[in-house]
Amino acid sequence: MAELTLNRWGNSQGIRLSHKLLSQLGWEKAESFIAEITPDRKLVLSVAPNQDDGSLSFLFKDYEDDGIREPLVDFGESVGAEEW
């Protein structure tokens, strides 16, 4: 168990977590979290699911296909130094 102190941090307040505690949790810099308050006034932090890993799967995770498609447009042959 680690005792933490709520301190002023700019115009806000924050709790600093030690490197040892972060290592034990496996948390890394720039990770996103979900904060929940339980009925008995406990703060529970959990790593946010579905973090952006830069993949197409993540970008389209909430996509629902509506079946509507715009027709493809043929712009003809390349003119100049374009490469397609």
PDB file of N, CA and C in Angstrom:
ATOM      1  N   MET A   1       0.843  -1.166   0.000  1.00  0.00           N
ATOM      2  CA  MET A   1       0.000   0.000   0.000  1.00  0.00           C
ATOM      3  C   MET A   1       0.893   1.236   0.000  1.00  0.00           C
ATOM      4  N   ALA A   2       0.472   2.242  -0.766  1.00  0.00           N
ATOM      5  CA  ALA A   2       1.233   3.486  -0.844  1.00  0.00           C
ATOM      6  C   ALA A   2       0.330   4.643  -0.435  1.00  0.00           C
ATOM      7  N   GLU A   3       0.845   5.524   0.391  1.00  0.00           N
ATOM      8  CA  GLU A   3       0.091   6.709   0.774  1.00  0.00           C
ATOM      9  C   GLU A   3       0.454   7.836  -0.178  1.00  0.00           C
ATOM     10  N   LEU A   4      -0.566   8.483  -0.759  1.00  0.00           N
ATOM     11  CA  LEU A   4      -0.358   9.538  -1.729  1.00  0.00           C
ATOM     12  C   LEU A   4      -0.941  10.832  -1.192  1.00  0.00           C
ATOM     13  N   THR A   5      -0.411  11.967  -1.663  1.00  0.00           N
ATOM     14  CA  THR A   5      -0.871  13.275  -1.214  1.00  0.00           C
ATOM     15  C   THR A   5      -1.405  14.068  -2.394  1.00  0.00           C
ATOM     16  N   LEU A   6      -2.536  14.722  -2.193  1.00  0.00           N
ATOM     17  CA  LEU A   6      -3.118  15.594  -3.198  1.00  0.00           C
ATOM     18  C   LEU A   6      -2.429  16.949  -3.102  1.00  0.00           C
ATOM     19  N   ASN A   7      -1.777  17.386  -4.186  1.00  0.00           N
ATOM     20  CA  ASN A   7      -1.012  18.634  -4.195  1.00  0.00           C
ATOM     21  C   ASN A   7      -1.492  19.549  -5.311  1.00  0.00           C
ATOM     22  N   ARG A   8      -1.200  20.831  -5.150  1.00  0.00           N
ATOM     23  CA  ARG A   8      -1.513  21.824  -6.166  1.00  0.00           C
ATOM     24  C   ARG A   8      -0.589  21.604  -7.362  1.00  0.00           C
ATOM     25  N   TRP A   9      -1.163  21.682  -8.568  1.00  0.00           N
ATOM     26  CA  TRP A   9      -0.392  21.495  -9.785  1.00  0.00           C
ATOM     27  C   TRP A   9      -0.928  22.500 -10.791  1.00  0.00           C
ATOM     28  N   GLY A  10      -0.309  23.676 -10.845  1.00  0.00           N
ATOM     29  CA  GLY A  10      -0.824  24.770 -11.668  1.00  0.00           C
ATOM     30  C   GLY A  10      -2.140  25.248 -11.083  1.00  0.00           C
ATOM     31  N   ASN A  11      -3.174  25.359 -11.908  1.00  0.00           N
ATOM     32  CA  ASN A  11      -4.493  25.763 -11.439  1.00  0.00           C
ATOM     33  C   ASN A  11      -5.338  24.573 -11.003  1.00  0.00           C
ATOM     34  N   SER A  12      -4.766  23.386 -11.039  1.00  0.00           N
ATOM     35  CA  SER A  12      -5.480  22.169 -10.674  1.00  0.00           C
ATOM     36  C   SER A  12      -4.831  21.528  -9.454  1.00  0.00           C
ATOM     37  N   GLN A  13      -5.283  20.350  -9.150  1.00  0.00           N
ATOM     38  CA  GLN A  13      -4.651  19.551  -8.110  1.00  0.00           C
ATOM     39  C   GLN A  13      -4.368  18.179  -8.693  1.00  0.00           C
ATOM     40  N   GLY A  14      -3.339  17.532  -8.199  1.00  0.00           N
ATOM     41  CA  GLY A  14      -2.976  16.236  -8.742  1.00  0.00           C
ATOM     42  C   GLY A  14      -2.313  15.342  -7.708  1.00  0.00           C
ATOM     43  N   ILE A  15      -2.300  14.075  -8.027  1.00  0.00           N
ATOM     44  CA  ILE A  15      -1.632  13.060  -7.203  1.00  0.00           C
ATOM     45  C   ILE A  15      -0.511  12.488  -8.054  1.00  0.00           C
ATOM     46  N   ARG A  16       0.693  12.496  -7.527  1.00  0.00           N
ATOM     47  CA  ARG A  16       1.832  11.925  -8.243  1.00  0.00           C
ATOM     48  C   ARG A  16       1.974  10.464  -7.852  1.00  0.00           C
ATOM     49  N   LEU A  17       2.242   9.638  -8.859  1.00  0.00           N
ATOM     50  CA  LEU A  17       2.453   8.209  -8.637  1.00  0.00           C
ATOM     51  C   LEU A  17       3.932   7.906  -8.827  1.00  0.00           C
ATOM     52  N   SER A  18       4.492   7.166  -7.914  1.00  0.00           N
ATOM     53  CA  SER A  18       5.919   6.855  -7.981  1.00  0.00           C
ATOM     54  C   SER A  18       6.220   5.902  -9.137  1.00  0.00           C
ATOM     55  N   HIS A  19       7.461   5.916  -9.577  1.00  0.00           N
ATOM     56  CA  HIS A  19       7.915   5.018 -10.634  1.00  0.00           C
ATOM     57  C   HIS A  19       7.683   3.566 -10.222  1.00  0.00           C
ATOM     58  N   LYS A  20       7.946   3.250  -8.977  1.00  0.00           N
ATOM     59  CA  LYS A  20       7.778   1.878  -8.475  1.00  0.00           C
ATOM     60  C   LYS A  20       6.316   1.434  -8.597  1.00  0.00           C
ATOM     61  N   LEU A  21       5.405   2.314  -8.191  1.00  0.00           N
ATOM     62  CA  LEU A  21       3.980   1.994  -8.261  1.00  0.00           C
ATOM     63  C   LEU A  21       3.533   1.829  -9.717  1.00  0.00           C
ATOM     64  N   LEU A  22       3.988   2.734 -10.589  1.00  0.00           N
ATOM     65  CA  LEU A  22       3.637   2.637 -12.003  1.00  0.00           C
ATOM     66  C   LEU A  22       4.173   1.349 -12.622  1.00  0.00           C
ATOM     67  N   SER A  23       5.373   0.973 -12.254  1.00  0.00           N
ATOM     68  CA  SER A  23       5.968  -0.269 -12.764  1.00  0.00           C
ATOM     69  C   SER A  23       5.163  -1.480 -12.322  1.00  0.00           C
ATOM     70  N   GLN A  24       4.732  -1.483 -11.067  1.00  0.00           N
ATOM     71  CA  GLN A  24       3.937  -2.599 -10.555  1.00  0.00           C
ATOM     72  C   GLN A  24       2.606  -2.714 -11.297  1.00  0.00           C
ATOM     73  N   LEU A  25       2.039  -1.570 -11.675  1.00  0.00           N
ATOM     74  CA  LEU A  25       0.761  -1.570 -12.392  1.00  0.00           C
ATOM     75  C   LEU A  25       0.928  -1.828 -13.883  1.00  0.00           C
ATOM     76  N   GLY A  26       2.140  -1.604 -14.390  1.00  0.00           N
ATOM     77  CA  GLY A  26       2.383  -1.764 -15.821  1.00  0.00           C
ATOM     78  C   GLY A  26       1.861  -0.587 -16.631  1.00  0.00           C
ATOM     79  N   TRP A  27       1.666   0.562 -15.980  1.00  0.00           N
ATOM     80  CA  TRP A  27       1.173   1.759 -16.648  1.00  0.00           C
ATOM     81  C   TRP A  27       2.336   2.504 -17.270  1.00  0.00           C
ATOM     82  N   GLU A  28       2.073   3.135 -18.422  1.00  0.00           N
ATOM     83  CA  GLU A  28       3.115   3.873 -19.135  1.00  0.00           C
ATOM     84  C   GLU A  28       2.696   5.316 -19.363  1.00  0.00           C
ATOM     85  N   LYS A  29       3.677   6.132 -19.720  1.00  0.00           N
ATOM     86  CA  LYS A  29       3.436   7.550 -19.985  1.00  0.00           C
ATOM     87  C   LYS A  29       2.419   7.695 -21.113  1.00  0.00           C
ATOM     88  N   ALA A  30       1.564   8.696 -21.021  1.00  0.00           N
ATOM     89  CA  ALA A  30       0.550   9.049 -22.027  1.00  0.00           C
ATOM     90  C   ALA A  30      -0.556   8.009 -22.146  1.00  0.00           C
ATOM     91  N   GLU A  31      -0.714   7.166 -21.145  1.00  0.00           N
ATOM     92  CA  GLU A  31      -1.801   6.195 -21.159  1.00  0.00           C
ATOM     93  C   GLU A  31      -3.090   6.896 -20.713  1.00  0.00           C
ATOM     94  N   SER A  32      -4.216   6.478 -21.234  1.00  0.00           N
ATOM     95  CA  SER A  32      -5.500   7.062 -20.862  1.00  0.00           C
ATOM     96  C   SER A  32      -6.204   6.170 -19.849  1.00  0.00           C
ATOM     97  N   PHE A  33      -6.958   6.825 -18.962  1.00  0.00           N
ATOM     98  CA  PHE A  33      -7.624   6.093 -17.888  1.00  0.00           C
ATOM     99  C   PHE A  33      -9.085   6.480 -17.771  1.00  0.00           C
ATOM    100  N   ILE A  34      -9.838   5.609 -17.152  1.00  0.00           N
ATOM    101  CA  ILE A  34     -11.221   5.878 -16.801  1.00  0.00           C
ATOM    102  C   ILE A  34     -11.256   5.973 -15.285  1.00  0.00           C
ATOM    103  N   ALA A  35     -11.856   7.051 -14.768  1.00  0.00           N
ATOM    104  CA  ALA A  35     -11.966   7.245 -13.320  1.00  0.00           C
ATOM    105  C   ALA A  35     -13.411   7.000 -12.912  1.00  0.00           C
ATOM    106  N   GLU A  36     -13.591   6.194 -11.871  1.00  0.00           N
ATOM    107  CA  GLU A  36     -14.919   5.910 -11.339  1.00  0.00           C
ATOM    108  C   GLU A  36     -14.911   6.160  -9.836  1.00  0.00           C
ATOM    109  N   ILE A  37     -16.005   6.656  -9.334  1.00  0.00           N
ATOM    110  CA  ILE A  37     -16.152   6.836  -7.892  1.00  0.00           C
ATOM    111  C   ILE A  37     -17.199   5.837  -7.420  1.00  0.00           C
ATOM    112  N   THR A  38     -16.818   5.012  -6.457  1.00  0.00           N
ATOM    113  CA  THR A  38     -17.728   3.998  -5.933  1.00  0.00           C
ATOM    114  C   THR A  38     -18.673   4.640  -4.917  1.00  0.00           C
ATOM    115  N   PRO A  39     -19.784   3.965  -4.576  1.00  0.00           N
ATOM    116  CA  PRO A  39     -20.722   4.526  -3.595  1.00  0.00           C
ATOM    117  C   PRO A  39     -20.075   4.833  -2.237  1.00  0.00           C
ATOM    118  N   ASP A  40     -19.018   4.099  -1.890  1.00  0.00           N
ATOM    119  CA  ASP A  40     -18.344   4.361  -0.610  1.00  0.00           C
ATOM    120  C   ASP A  40     -17.176   5.348  -0.768  1.00  0.00           C
ATOM    121  N   ARG A  41     -17.238   6.201  -1.828  1.00  0.00           N
ATOM    122  CA  ARG A  41     -16.307   7.301  -2.073  1.00  0.00           C
ATOM    123  C   ARG A  41     -14.868   6.853  -2.311  1.00  0.00           C
ATOM    124  N   LYS A  42     -14.703   5.744  -3.015  1.00  0.00           N
ATOM    125  CA  LYS A  42     -13.368   5.304  -3.419  1.00  0.00           C
ATOM    126  C   LYS A  42     -13.180   5.652  -4.890  1.00  0.00           C
ATOM    127  N   LEU A  43     -11.970   6.073  -5.222  1.00  0.00           N
ATOM    128  CA  LEU A  43     -11.624   6.389  -6.597  1.00  0.00           C
ATOM    129  C   LEU A  43     -10.972   5.164  -7.226  1.00  0.00           C
ATOM    130  N   VAL A  44     -11.515   4.713  -8.349  1.00  0.00           N
ATOM    131  CA  VAL A  44     -10.974   3.546  -9.048  1.00  0.00           C
ATOM    132  C   VAL A  44     -10.503   4.011 -10.427  1.00  0.00           C
ATOM    133  N   LEU A  45      -9.212   3.800 -10.720  1.00  0.00           N
ATOM    134  CA  LEU A  45      -8.645   4.126 -12.028  1.00  0.00           C
ATOM    135  C   LEU A  45      -8.420   2.844 -12.808  1.00  0.00           C
ATOM    136  N   SER A  46      -8.862   2.832 -14.054  1.00  0.00           N
ATOM    137  CA  SER A  46      -8.658   1.683 -14.936  1.00  0.00           C
ATOM    138  C   SER A  46      -8.097   2.184 -16.261  1.00  0.00           C
ATOM    139  N   VAL A  47      -7.245   1.385 -16.874  1.00  0.00           N
ATOM    140  CA  VAL A  47      -6.712   1.746 -18.188  1.00  0.00           C
ATOM    141  C   VAL A  47      -7.873   1.755 -19.172  1.00  0.00           C
ATOM    142  N   ALA A  48      -7.965   2.815 -19.964  1.00  0.00           N
ATOM    143  CA  ALA A  48      -9.057   2.947 -20.933  1.00  0.00           C
ATOM    144  C   ALA A  48      -8.900   1.915 -22.040  1.00  0.00           C
ATOM    145  N   PRO A  49      -9.981   1.244 -22.391  1.00  0.00           N
ATOM    146  CA  PRO A  49      -9.904   0.267 -23.476  1.00  0.00           C
ATOM    147  C   PRO A  49      -9.827   0.965 -24.832  1.00  0.00           C
ATOM    148  N   ASN A  50      -9.470   0.195 -25.844  1.00  0.00           N
ATOM    149  CA  ASN A  50      -9.467   0.679 -27.230  1.00  0.00           C
ATOM    150  C   ASN A  50      -8.605   1.917 -27.431  1.00  0.00           C
ATOM    151  N   GLN A  51      -7.409   1.883 -26.916  1.00  0.00           N
ATOM    152  CA  GLN A  51      -6.530   3.028 -27.128  1.00  0.00           C
ATOM    153  C   GLN A  51      -6.096   3.071 -28.584  1.00  0.00           C
ATOM    154  N   ASP A  52      -5.909   4.274 -29.087  1.00  0.00           N
ATOM    155  CA  ASP A  52      -5.531   4.476 -30.476  1.00  0.00           C
ATOM    156  C   ASP A  52      -4.151   3.901 -30.738  1.00  0.00           C
ATOM    157  N   ASP A  53      -4.112   2.822 -31.514  1.00  0.00           N
ATOM    158  CA  ASP A  53      -2.823   2.219 -31.858  1.00  0.00           C
ATOM    159  C   ASP A  53      -2.392   2.599 -33.270  1.00  0.00           C
ATOM    160  N   GLY A  54      -3.141   3.521 -33.896  1.00  0.00           N
ATOM    161  CA  GLY A  54      -2.795   3.983 -35.233  1.00  0.00           C
ATOM    162  C   GLY A  54      -3.207   3.041 -36.346  1.00  0.00           C
ATOM    163  N   SER A  55      -3.903   1.963 -36.018  1.00  0.00           N
ATOM    164  CA  SER A  55      -4.276   0.993 -37.038  1.00  0.00           C
ATOM    165  C   SER A  55      -5.596   1.363 -37.717  1.00  0.00           C
ATOM    166  N   LEU A  56      -5.819   0.816 -38.893  1.00  0.00           N
ATOM    167  CA  LEU A  56      -7.092   1.016 -39.576  1.00  0.00           C
ATOM    168  C   LEU A  56      -8.227   0.377 -38.773  1.00  0.00           C
ATOM    169  N   SER A  57      -7.936  -0.714 -38.109  1.00  0.00           N
ATOM    170  CA  SER A  57      -8.960  -1.375 -37.282  1.00  0.00           C
ATOM    171  C   SER A  57      -9.470  -0.421 -36.215  1.00  0.00           C
ATOM    172  N   PHE A  58      -8.576   0.310 -35.571  1.00  0.00           N
ATOM    173  CA  PHE A  58      -9.001   1.266 -34.546  1.00  0.00           C
ATOM    174  C   PHE A  58      -9.796   2.409 -35.171  1.00  0.00           C
ATOM    175  N   LEU A  59      -9.322   2.942 -36.289  1.00  0.00           N
ATOM    176  CA  LEU A  59     -10.002   4.061 -36.933  1.00  0.00           C
ATOM    177  C   LEU A  59     -11.436   3.710 -37.339  1.00  0.00           C
ATOM    178  N   PHE A  60     -11.668   2.463 -37.723  1.00  0.00           N
ATOM    179  CA  PHE A  60     -12.988   2.052 -38.194  1.00  0.00           C
ATOM    180  C   PHE A  60     -13.738   1.185 -37.190  1.00  0.00           C
ATOM    181  N   LYS A  61     -13.322   1.181 -35.936  1.00  0.00           N
ATOM    182  CA  LYS A  61     -13.935   0.296 -34.934  1.00  0.00           C
ATOM    183  C   LYS A  61     -15.426   0.550 -34.741  1.00  0.00           C
ATOM    184  N   ASP A  62     -15.871   1.793 -34.891  1.00  0.00           N
ATOM    185  CA  ASP A  62     -17.287   2.123 -34.700  1.00  0.00           C
ATOM    186  C   ASP A  62     -18.031   2.298 -36.018  1.00  0.00           C
ATOM    187  N   TYR A  63     -17.408   1.965 -37.119  1.00  0.00           N
ATOM    188  CA  TYR A  63     -18.014   2.158 -38.436  1.00  0.00           C
ATOM    189  C   TYR A  63     -19.111   1.134 -38.677  1.00  0.00           C
ATOM    190  N   GLU A  64     -20.249   1.623 -39.129  1.00  0.00           N
ATOM    191  CA  GLU A  64     -21.337   0.744 -39.523  1.00  0.00           C
ATOM    192  C   GLU A  64     -21.624   0.993 -40.989  1.00  0.00           C
ATOM    193  N   ASP A  65     -21.515  -0.037 -41.803  1.00  0.00           N
ATOM    194  CA  ASP A  65     -21.707   0.088 -43.243  1.00  0.00           C
ATOM    195  C   ASP A  65     -23.176   0.353 -43.542  1.00  0.00           C
ATOM    196  N   ASP A  66     -23.439   1.481 -44.218  1.00  0.00           N
ATOM    197  CA  ASP A  66     -24.822   1.807 -44.571  1.00  0.00           C
ATOM    198  C   ASP A  66     -25.175   1.311 -45.968  1.00  0.00           C
ATOM    199  N   GLY A  67     -24.207   0.748 -46.684  1.00  0.00           N
ATOM    200  CA  GLY A  67     -24.450   0.193 -48.002  1.00  0.00           C
ATOM    201  C   GLY A  67     -24.523   1.223 -49.113  1.00  0.00           C
ATOM    202  N   ILE A  68     -24.420   2.500 -48.801  1.00  0.00           N
ATOM    203  CA  ILE A  68     -24.499   3.550 -49.814  1.00  0.00           C
ATOM    204  C   ILE A  68     -23.098   3.837 -50.338  1.00  0.00           C
ATOM    205  N   ARG A  69     -22.958   3.818 -51.652  1.00  0.00           N
ATOM    206  CA  ARG A  69     -21.648   4.069 -52.245  1.00  0.00           C
ATOM    207  C   ARG A  69     -21.784   5.128 -53.331  1.00  0.00           C
ATOM    208  N   GLU A  70     -20.832   6.034 -53.386  1.00  0.00           N
ATOM    209  CA  GLU A  70     -20.755   6.972 -54.488  1.00  0.00           C
ATOM    210  C   GLU A  70     -20.125   6.238 -55.666  1.00  0.00           C
ATOM    211  N   PRO A  71     -20.550   6.547 -56.882  1.00  0.00           N
ATOM    212  CA  PRO A  71     -19.935   5.874 -58.039  1.00  0.00           C
ATOM    213  C   PRO A  71     -18.481   6.326 -58.201  1.00  0.00           C
ATOM    214  N   LEU A  72     -17.668   5.410 -58.695  1.00  0.00           N
ATOM    215  CA  LEU A  72     -16.272   5.756 -58.968  1.00  0.00           C
ATOM    216  C   LEU A  72     -16.213   6.678 -60.178  1.00  0.00           C
ATOM    217  N   VAL A  73     -15.304   7.607 -60.158  1.00  0.00           N
ATOM    218  CA  VAL A  73     -15.159   8.557 -61.250  1.00  0.00           C
ATOM    219  C   VAL A  73     -13.828   8.308 -61.938  1.00  0.00           C
ATOM    220  N   ASP A  74     -13.866   8.166 -63.260  1.00  0.00           N
ATOM    221  CA  ASP A  74     -12.646   7.986 -64.038  1.00  0.00           C
ATOM    222  C   ASP A  74     -12.221   9.356 -64.558  1.00  0.00           C
ATOM    223  N   PHE A  75     -11.065   9.812 -64.138  1.00  0.00           N
ATOM    224  CA  PHE A  75     -10.561  11.111 -64.552  1.00  0.00           C
ATOM    225  C   PHE A  75      -9.669  11.015 -65.790  1.00  0.00           C
ATOM    226  N   GLY A  76      -9.602   9.868 -66.410  1.00  0.00           N
ATOM    227  CA  GLY A  76      -8.812   9.699 -67.636  1.00  0.00           C
ATOM    228  C   GLY A  76      -7.354   9.422 -67.347  1.00  0.00           C
ATOM    229  N   GLU A  77      -6.580   9.511 -68.392  1.00  0.00           N
ATOM    230  CA  GLU A  77      -5.148   9.230 -68.299  1.00  0.00           C
ATOM    231  C   GLU A  77      -4.421  10.329 -67.525  1.00  0.00           C
ATOM    232  N   SER A  78      -3.261   9.977 -66.955  1.00  0.00           N
ATOM    233  CA  SER A  78      -2.424  10.950 -66.266  1.00  0.00           C
ATOM    234  C   SER A  78      -1.905  11.997 -67.243  1.00  0.00           C
ATOM    235  N   VAL A  79      -1.810  13.227 -66.778  1.00  0.00           N
ATOM    236  CA  VAL A  79      -1.262  14.301 -67.588  1.00  0.00           C
ATOM    237  C   VAL A  79      -0.086  14.883 -66.812  1.00  0.00           C
ATOM    238  N   GLY A  80       1.076  14.944 -67.401  1.00  0.00           N
ATOM    239  CA  GLY A  80       2.234  15.473 -66.694  1.00  0.00           C
ATOM    240  C   GLY A  80       2.985  14.340 -66.010  1.00  0.00           C
ATOM    241  N   ALA A  81       3.508  14.629 -64.818  1.00  0.00           N
ATOM    242  CA  ALA A  81       4.394  13.676 -64.126  1.00  0.00           C
ATOM    243  C   ALA A  81       3.684  12.925 -63.003  1.00  0.00           C
ATOM    244  N   GLU A  82       2.337  12.922 -62.985  1.00  0.00           N
ATOM    245  CA  GLU A  82       1.639  12.202 -61.915  1.00  0.00           C
ATOM    246  C   GLU A  82       1.894  10.709 -62.017  1.00  0.00           C
ATOM    247  N   GLU A  83       1.920  10.065 -60.877  1.00  0.00           N
ATOM    248  CA  GLU A  83       2.038   8.613 -60.840  1.00  0.00           C
ATOM    249  C   GLU A  83       0.863   8.068 -60.061  1.00  0.00           C
ATOM    250  N   TRP A  84       0.164   7.096 -60.612  1.00  0.00           N
ATOM    251  CA  TRP A  84      -0.979   6.498 -59.919  1.00  0.00           C
ATOM    252  C   TRP A  84      -0.726   5.059 -59.632  1.00  0.00           C
TER     253      TRP A  84
END
